[in-house]
N, C-alpha and C. Protein backbone atom coordinates (compact mmCIF):
# COMPACT_ATOMS: atom_id res chain seq x y z
N UNK A 1 -17.24 3.60 -10.63
CA UNK A 1 -17.14 3.93 -9.22
C UNK A 1 -15.73 4.45 -8.95
N UNK A 2 -15.63 5.43 -8.10
CA UNK A 2 -14.35 6.04 -7.77
C UNK A 2 -13.60 5.19 -6.74
N UNK A 3 -12.27 5.17 -6.85
CA UNK A 3 -11.41 4.47 -5.89
C UNK A 3 -10.56 5.51 -5.16
N UNK A 4 -10.54 5.43 -3.83
CA UNK A 4 -9.68 6.30 -3.04
C UNK A 4 -8.81 5.43 -2.13
N UNK A 5 -7.72 6.01 -1.65
CA UNK A 5 -6.75 5.30 -0.84
C UNK A 5 -6.57 6.00 0.50
N UNK A 6 -6.52 5.23 1.58
CA UNK A 6 -6.18 5.81 2.88
C UNK A 6 -4.67 6.06 2.91
N UNK A 7 -4.22 6.95 3.77
CA UNK A 7 -2.77 7.14 3.91
C UNK A 7 -2.06 5.83 4.28
N UNK A 8 -2.70 4.98 5.07
CA UNK A 8 -2.11 3.69 5.46
C UNK A 8 -1.91 2.79 4.24
N UNK A 9 -2.89 2.76 3.34
CA UNK A 9 -2.76 1.90 2.17
C UNK A 9 -1.67 2.41 1.23
N UNK A 10 -1.52 3.71 1.11
CA UNK A 10 -0.45 4.28 0.29
C UNK A 10 0.90 3.91 0.90
N UNK A 11 0.99 4.01 2.22
CA UNK A 11 2.22 3.61 2.91
C UNK A 11 2.51 2.13 2.73
N UNK A 12 1.46 1.30 2.76
CA UNK A 12 1.64 -0.14 2.54
C UNK A 12 2.20 -0.42 1.16
N UNK A 13 1.65 0.22 0.15
CA UNK A 13 2.11 0.01 -1.23
C UNK A 13 3.57 0.44 -1.38
N UNK A 14 3.93 1.56 -0.80
CA UNK A 14 5.31 2.04 -0.87
C UNK A 14 6.25 1.09 -0.14
N UNK A 15 5.85 0.66 1.04
CA UNK A 15 6.67 -0.25 1.84
C UNK A 15 6.91 -1.57 1.12
N UNK A 16 5.85 -2.14 0.56
CA UNK A 16 5.99 -3.42 -0.16
C UNK A 16 6.91 -3.27 -1.37
N UNK A 17 6.72 -2.20 -2.12
CA UNK A 17 7.55 -2.00 -3.31
C UNK A 17 9.02 -1.82 -2.92
N UNK A 18 9.28 -1.01 -1.91
CA UNK A 18 10.66 -0.79 -1.47
C UNK A 18 11.31 -2.08 -0.97
N UNK A 19 10.56 -2.91 -0.26
CA UNK A 19 11.06 -4.18 0.25
C UNK A 19 11.48 -5.10 -0.90
N UNK A 20 10.63 -5.22 -1.90
CA UNK A 20 10.92 -6.10 -3.03
C UNK A 20 12.02 -5.52 -3.91
N UNK A 21 12.02 -4.22 -4.06
CA UNK A 21 12.96 -3.53 -4.95
C UNK A 21 14.41 -3.76 -4.56
N UNK A 22 14.68 -3.96 -3.27
CA UNK A 22 16.04 -4.19 -2.80
C UNK A 22 16.66 -5.40 -3.50
N UNK A 23 15.89 -6.45 -3.64
CA UNK A 23 16.41 -7.69 -4.24
C UNK A 23 16.11 -7.82 -5.72
N UNK A 24 14.97 -7.24 -6.16
CA UNK A 24 14.58 -7.45 -7.55
C UNK A 24 13.71 -6.27 -8.04
N UNK A 25 14.34 -5.23 -8.60
CA UNK A 25 13.58 -4.06 -9.05
C UNK A 25 12.51 -4.38 -10.09
N UNK A 26 12.79 -5.33 -10.99
CA UNK A 26 11.80 -5.69 -12.01
C UNK A 26 10.57 -6.34 -11.38
N UNK A 27 10.81 -7.20 -10.40
CA UNK A 27 9.68 -7.84 -9.71
C UNK A 27 8.85 -6.81 -8.95
N UNK A 28 9.52 -5.84 -8.34
CA UNK A 28 8.80 -4.79 -7.61
C UNK A 28 7.87 -4.03 -8.54
N UNK A 29 8.36 -3.71 -9.71
CA UNK A 29 7.54 -2.98 -10.68
C UNK A 29 6.38 -3.85 -11.17
N UNK A 30 6.66 -5.11 -11.46
CA UNK A 30 5.63 -6.04 -11.95
C UNK A 30 4.54 -6.25 -10.90
N UNK A 31 4.92 -6.44 -9.64
CA UNK A 31 3.95 -6.67 -8.58
C UNK A 31 3.11 -5.42 -8.33
N UNK A 32 3.76 -4.26 -8.33
CA UNK A 32 3.02 -3.01 -8.14
C UNK A 32 1.97 -2.83 -9.23
N UNK A 33 2.34 -3.10 -10.48
CA UNK A 33 1.39 -2.99 -11.59
C UNK A 33 0.23 -3.98 -11.42
N UNK A 34 0.55 -5.19 -10.97
CA UNK A 34 -0.47 -6.21 -10.78
C UNK A 34 -1.48 -5.80 -9.70
N UNK A 35 -0.97 -5.25 -8.60
CA UNK A 35 -1.86 -4.81 -7.52
C UNK A 35 -2.74 -3.66 -7.99
N UNK A 36 -2.16 -2.70 -8.67
CA UNK A 36 -2.94 -1.56 -9.16
C UNK A 36 -3.98 -2.02 -10.19
N UNK A 37 -3.61 -2.97 -11.04
CA UNK A 37 -4.57 -3.50 -12.02
C UNK A 37 -5.75 -4.17 -11.31
N UNK A 38 -5.47 -4.95 -10.27
CA UNK A 38 -6.53 -5.60 -9.50
C UNK A 38 -7.45 -4.59 -8.84
N UNK A 39 -6.84 -3.55 -8.26
CA UNK A 39 -7.64 -2.50 -7.62
C UNK A 39 -8.51 -1.79 -8.65
N UNK A 40 -7.99 -1.56 -9.84
CA UNK A 40 -8.74 -0.90 -10.90
C UNK A 40 -9.99 -1.70 -11.27
N UNK A 41 -9.92 -3.03 -11.20
CA UNK A 41 -11.08 -3.87 -11.50
C UNK A 41 -12.24 -3.58 -10.56
N UNK A 42 -11.93 -3.11 -9.36
CA UNK A 42 -12.99 -2.85 -8.38
C UNK A 42 -13.92 -1.73 -8.83
N UNK A 43 -13.46 -0.88 -9.74
CA UNK A 43 -14.31 0.21 -10.23
C UNK A 43 -15.58 -0.34 -10.87
N UNK A 44 -15.45 -1.46 -11.57
CA UNK A 44 -16.61 -2.05 -12.24
C UNK A 44 -17.16 -3.28 -11.51
N UNK A 45 -16.32 -3.88 -10.67
CA UNK A 45 -16.75 -5.07 -9.92
C UNK A 45 -16.46 -4.87 -8.43
N UNK A 46 -17.18 -3.96 -7.77
CA UNK A 46 -16.85 -3.62 -6.39
C UNK A 46 -17.00 -4.77 -5.38
N UNK A 47 -17.77 -5.78 -5.71
CA UNK A 47 -17.96 -6.90 -4.78
C UNK A 47 -17.09 -8.09 -5.13
N UNK A 48 -16.03 -7.85 -5.90
CA UNK A 48 -15.14 -8.91 -6.36
C UNK A 48 -14.45 -9.63 -5.20
N UNK A 49 -14.06 -8.89 -4.17
CA UNK A 49 -13.36 -9.48 -3.03
C UNK A 49 -14.28 -10.28 -2.13
N UNK A 50 -13.67 -11.01 -1.20
CA UNK A 50 -14.44 -11.82 -0.25
C UNK A 50 -14.76 -10.99 0.99
N UNK A 51 -15.89 -11.27 1.59
CA UNK A 51 -16.31 -10.54 2.80
C UNK A 51 -15.35 -10.83 3.94
N UNK A 52 -15.10 -9.82 4.77
CA UNK A 52 -14.28 -9.98 5.97
C UNK A 52 -15.24 -10.26 7.12
N UNK A 53 -15.33 -11.52 7.51
CA UNK A 53 -16.32 -11.96 8.50
C UNK A 53 -16.23 -11.22 9.83
N UNK A 54 -15.01 -10.84 10.24
CA UNK A 54 -14.83 -10.21 11.55
C UNK A 54 -15.12 -8.71 11.53
N UNK A 55 -15.41 -8.16 10.37
CA UNK A 55 -15.71 -6.73 10.26
C UNK A 55 -17.12 -6.46 10.78
N UNK A 56 -17.36 -5.24 11.29
CA UNK A 56 -18.71 -4.91 11.77
C UNK A 56 -19.77 -5.06 10.67
N UNK A 57 -19.42 -4.72 9.44
CA UNK A 57 -20.30 -4.88 8.29
C UNK A 57 -19.58 -5.70 7.23
N UNK A 58 -19.58 -7.03 7.36
CA UNK A 58 -18.79 -7.86 6.46
C UNK A 58 -19.13 -7.70 4.98
N UNK A 59 -20.36 -7.35 4.68
CA UNK A 59 -20.71 -7.16 3.27
C UNK A 59 -20.09 -5.89 2.70
N UNK A 60 -19.63 -4.99 3.56
CA UNK A 60 -19.04 -3.72 3.13
C UNK A 60 -17.51 -3.75 3.12
N UNK A 61 -16.91 -4.55 4.02
CA UNK A 61 -15.45 -4.65 4.10
C UNK A 61 -15.04 -5.95 3.44
N UNK A 62 -14.14 -5.85 2.47
CA UNK A 62 -13.79 -7.01 1.67
C UNK A 62 -12.29 -7.11 1.48
N UNK A 63 -11.83 -8.33 1.18
CA UNK A 63 -10.43 -8.58 0.86
C UNK A 63 -10.35 -9.06 -0.57
N UNK A 64 -9.52 -8.37 -1.35
CA UNK A 64 -9.25 -8.78 -2.73
C UNK A 64 -7.88 -9.46 -2.74
N UNK A 65 -7.84 -10.70 -3.18
CA UNK A 65 -6.59 -11.46 -3.24
C UNK A 65 -5.99 -11.25 -4.63
N UNK A 66 -4.74 -10.77 -4.64
CA UNK A 66 -4.02 -10.54 -5.89
C UNK A 66 -2.68 -11.24 -5.74
N UNK A 67 -2.57 -12.44 -6.27
CA UNK A 67 -1.34 -13.22 -6.10
C UNK A 67 -1.13 -13.49 -4.62
N UNK A 68 0.02 -13.05 -4.10
CA UNK A 68 0.34 -13.23 -2.68
C UNK A 68 -0.04 -12.02 -1.83
N UNK A 69 -0.83 -11.14 -2.37
CA UNK A 69 -1.15 -9.88 -1.69
C UNK A 69 -2.65 -9.78 -1.42
N UNK A 70 -2.96 -9.09 -0.34
CA UNK A 70 -4.34 -8.90 0.08
C UNK A 70 -4.61 -7.40 0.14
N UNK A 71 -5.66 -6.99 -0.54
CA UNK A 71 -6.09 -5.60 -0.53
C UNK A 71 -7.41 -5.54 0.23
N UNK A 72 -7.40 -4.89 1.39
CA UNK A 72 -8.63 -4.73 2.16
C UNK A 72 -9.27 -3.40 1.76
N UNK A 73 -10.56 -3.45 1.47
CA UNK A 73 -11.25 -2.24 1.02
C UNK A 73 -12.67 -2.17 1.56
N UNK A 74 -13.20 -0.97 1.53
CA UNK A 74 -14.54 -0.67 2.02
C UNK A 74 -15.39 -0.27 0.82
N UNK A 75 -16.57 -0.90 0.70
CA UNK A 75 -17.50 -0.58 -0.38
C UNK A 75 -18.56 0.36 0.16
N UNK A 76 -18.72 1.48 -0.49
CA UNK A 76 -19.75 2.45 -0.13
C UNK A 76 -20.13 3.20 -1.39
N UNK A 77 -20.25 4.50 -1.29
CA UNK A 77 -20.51 5.31 -2.48
C UNK A 77 -19.29 5.34 -3.38
N UNK A 78 -18.15 4.97 -2.81
CA UNK A 78 -16.91 4.79 -3.57
C UNK A 78 -16.15 3.62 -2.95
N UNK A 79 -15.11 3.17 -3.60
CA UNK A 79 -14.25 2.11 -3.08
C UNK A 79 -13.13 2.81 -2.30
N UNK A 80 -12.96 2.43 -1.05
CA UNK A 80 -11.92 3.02 -0.23
C UNK A 80 -10.91 1.93 0.14
N UNK A 81 -9.70 2.02 -0.42
CA UNK A 81 -8.66 1.04 -0.14
C UNK A 81 -8.12 1.33 1.25
N UNK A 82 -8.25 0.34 2.15
CA UNK A 82 -7.88 0.52 3.55
C UNK A 82 -6.44 0.12 3.83
N UNK A 83 -6.05 -1.08 3.40
CA UNK A 83 -4.71 -1.61 3.68
C UNK A 83 -4.31 -2.57 2.57
N UNK A 84 -3.00 -2.83 2.46
CA UNK A 84 -2.46 -3.80 1.51
C UNK A 84 -1.37 -4.58 2.23
N UNK A 85 -1.43 -5.92 2.18
CA UNK A 85 -0.45 -6.78 2.85
C UNK A 85 0.01 -7.90 1.94
N UNK A 86 1.20 -8.41 2.23
CA UNK A 86 1.61 -9.70 1.70
C UNK A 86 0.90 -10.73 2.57
N UNK A 87 0.51 -11.86 2.01
CA UNK A 87 -0.31 -12.83 2.76
C UNK A 87 0.41 -13.38 4.00
N UNK A 88 1.75 -13.30 4.06
CA UNK A 88 2.47 -13.80 5.23
C UNK A 88 2.64 -12.75 6.33
N UNK A 89 2.26 -11.52 6.03
CA UNK A 89 2.37 -10.45 7.02
C UNK A 89 1.24 -10.53 8.05
N UNK A 90 1.53 -10.03 9.23
CA UNK A 90 0.51 -9.93 10.27
C UNK A 90 -0.43 -8.78 9.89
N UNK A 91 -1.71 -9.05 9.87
CA UNK A 91 -2.69 -8.02 9.51
C UNK A 91 -3.20 -7.31 10.74
N UNK A 92 -3.49 -6.04 10.59
CA UNK A 92 -4.02 -5.25 11.70
C UNK A 92 -5.53 -5.27 11.70
C-alpha cells in the first residue's frame, strides 16, 4: 500500500526534528528514523494504529504510537499521514 503525507505532517516532522536537534542532533536523527520506520510498517499493516473515536469514521482514522510520538493517519486506497505530534503536545 502506498503512503502519502499531507503538507501539515511534513511540517510536523520538520518541526519536531528541528526542536530536538537544538539540544541533541543524534537524538533528532534517531527519533526521525524511528518515526519513519513505524510509518513504513503501515504499508503492510495499515490497521496497526488505534481507532480515533472522535473521528467521523473511526475505523478509517487511526493513531500510531511510536515511542513518545503519535502519527495520525487515514486508511483508504492508500495510507495518508495527516499529522505527527509528541504525546505532550496539544493535538488539533
